[in-house]
Amino acid sequence: MPRLGVGETAATNLALVVHELATNSIKYGALSEKAGTLDVSCPSDDSEDVAVVWTERGGPPVEETPAPSGYGSKLLNRNMSDLGGSLETNWDAEALL
């Protein structure tokens, strides 16, 4: 994957997004379980867009899709919007994608 330059504001926004996702994973997701795993990847294609794929496996079962209504959800969406991006969540029985 080619290197990507990140300015000061973008770096702060990215740090907040990663921190929020990691905190949620530790408290409620895959990293709350001994056998849980987390994979973070940036699939590359020839576009100028950057996609970060956060995949959690082995966490507690998800019985229903949580409603994104808390402070953390607002923080994630605001910071992703400030970066010119968006956040898509796929709640799967086996993994959070």
Protein backbone atom coordinates (compact mmCIF):
# COMPACT_ATOMS: atom_id res chain seq x y z
CA MET A 1 0.00 0.00 0.00
CA PRO A 2 1.34 3.44 -0.84
CA ARG A 3 2.18 5.84 1.95
CA LEU A 4 -0.45 8.35 2.91
CA GLY A 5 0.35 11.78 4.29
CA VAL A 6 -1.92 12.91 7.11
CA GLY A 7 -2.10 16.47 8.41
CA GLU A 8 -2.45 17.53 12.03
CA THR A 9 -6.26 17.79 12.05
CA ALA A 10 -6.74 14.52 10.17
CA ALA A 11 -4.31 12.75 12.51
CA THR A 12 -6.30 13.92 15.53
CA ASN A 13 -9.59 12.80 13.96
CA LEU A 14 -8.12 9.41 13.02
CA ALA A 15 -6.72 8.96 16.54
CA LEU A 16 -10.14 9.67 18.07
CA VAL A 17 -11.83 7.19 15.71
CA VAL A 18 -9.32 4.41 16.42
CA HIS A 19 -9.45 5.09 20.17
CA GLU A 20 -13.26 4.94 20.23
CA LEU A 21 -13.38 1.72 18.20
CA ALA A 22 -10.67 0.09 20.33
CA THR A 23 -12.37 1.14 23.56
CA ASN A 24 -15.68 -0.32 22.38
CA SER A 25 -13.97 -3.54 21.34
CA ILE A 26 -12.33 -3.91 24.75
CA LYS A 27 -15.52 -3.10 26.68
CA TYR A 28 -18.17 -4.83 24.55
CA GLY A 29 -16.62 -6.51 21.52
CA ALA A 30 -14.10 -9.12 20.48
CA LEU A 31 -11.29 -7.84 22.70
CA SER A 32 -13.51 -8.36 25.76
CA GLU A 33 -13.12 -12.13 25.23
CA LYS A 34 -9.91 -14.12 25.68
CA ALA A 35 -10.27 -15.77 22.26
CA GLY A 36 -11.42 -12.59 20.49
CA THR A 37 -9.42 -11.16 17.61
CA LEU A 38 -9.22 -7.84 15.83
CA ASP A 39 -8.01 -7.31 12.27
CA VAL A 40 -7.47 -3.82 10.87
CA SER A 41 -6.60 -3.60 7.19
CA CYS A 42 -6.53 -1.09 4.35
CA PRO A 43 -7.38 -2.90 1.15
CA SER A 44 -5.74 -1.19 -1.77
CA ASP A 45 -7.26 -0.35 -5.08
CA ASP A 46 -6.31 2.18 -7.72
CA SER A 47 -8.63 4.92 -6.46
CA GLU A 48 -7.64 7.84 -4.27
CA ASP A 49 -10.14 6.73 -1.63
CA VAL A 50 -8.87 5.07 1.52
CA ALA A 51 -10.86 2.32 3.19
CA VAL A 52 -10.04 1.02 6.64
CA VAL A 53 -11.64 -2.33 7.44
CA TRP A 54 -12.02 -3.10 11.17
CA THR A 55 -13.03 -6.74 11.70
CA GLU A 56 -13.72 -8.25 15.12
CA ARG A 57 -14.25 -11.97 15.62
CA GLY A 58 -14.81 -14.15 18.66
CA GLY A 59 -16.58 -11.59 20.79
CA PRO A 60 -19.87 -11.91 22.61
CA PRO A 61 -22.81 -12.80 20.34
CA VAL A 62 -24.74 -9.87 18.90
CA GLU A 63 -28.42 -10.51 19.46
CA GLU A 64 -29.64 -7.36 17.75
CA THR A 65 -28.03 -4.44 15.97
CA PRO A 66 -27.28 -1.72 18.51
CA ALA A 67 -28.85 1.67 17.78
CA PRO A 68 -26.11 4.26 17.21
CA SER A 69 -27.36 6.88 19.64
CA GLY A 70 -24.64 7.47 22.21
CA TYR A 71 -21.82 9.95 22.49
CA GLY A 72 -19.33 7.51 20.94
CA SER A 73 -21.46 7.01 17.83
CA LYS A 74 -21.81 10.75 17.40
CA LEU A 75 -18.06 11.20 17.86
CA LEU A 76 -17.30 8.52 15.26
CA ASN A 77 -19.70 9.92 12.69
CA ARG A 78 -18.61 13.52 13.22
CA ASN A 79 -14.91 12.71 12.92
CA MET A 80 -15.42 10.53 9.87
CA SER A 81 -17.45 13.32 8.27
CA ASP A 82 -14.70 15.83 9.08
CA LEU A 83 -12.27 13.51 7.27
CA GLY A 84 -14.56 13.53 4.22
CA GLY A 85 -15.56 9.93 4.82
CA SER A 86 -18.27 7.83 6.33
CA LEU A 87 -18.67 4.89 8.68
CA GLU A 88 -20.43 1.71 7.62
CA THR A 89 -21.12 -1.03 10.17
CA ASN A 90 -22.04 -4.61 9.43
CA TRP A 91 -23.22 -6.49 12.51
CA ASP A 92 -22.80 -10.15 11.62
CA ALA A 93 -23.51 -13.07 13.95
CA GLU A 94 -19.87 -14.14 13.62
CA ALA A 95 -18.08 -10.80 13.34
CA LEU A 96 -18.34 -7.03 13.46
CA LEU A 97 -17.23 -5.68 10.09
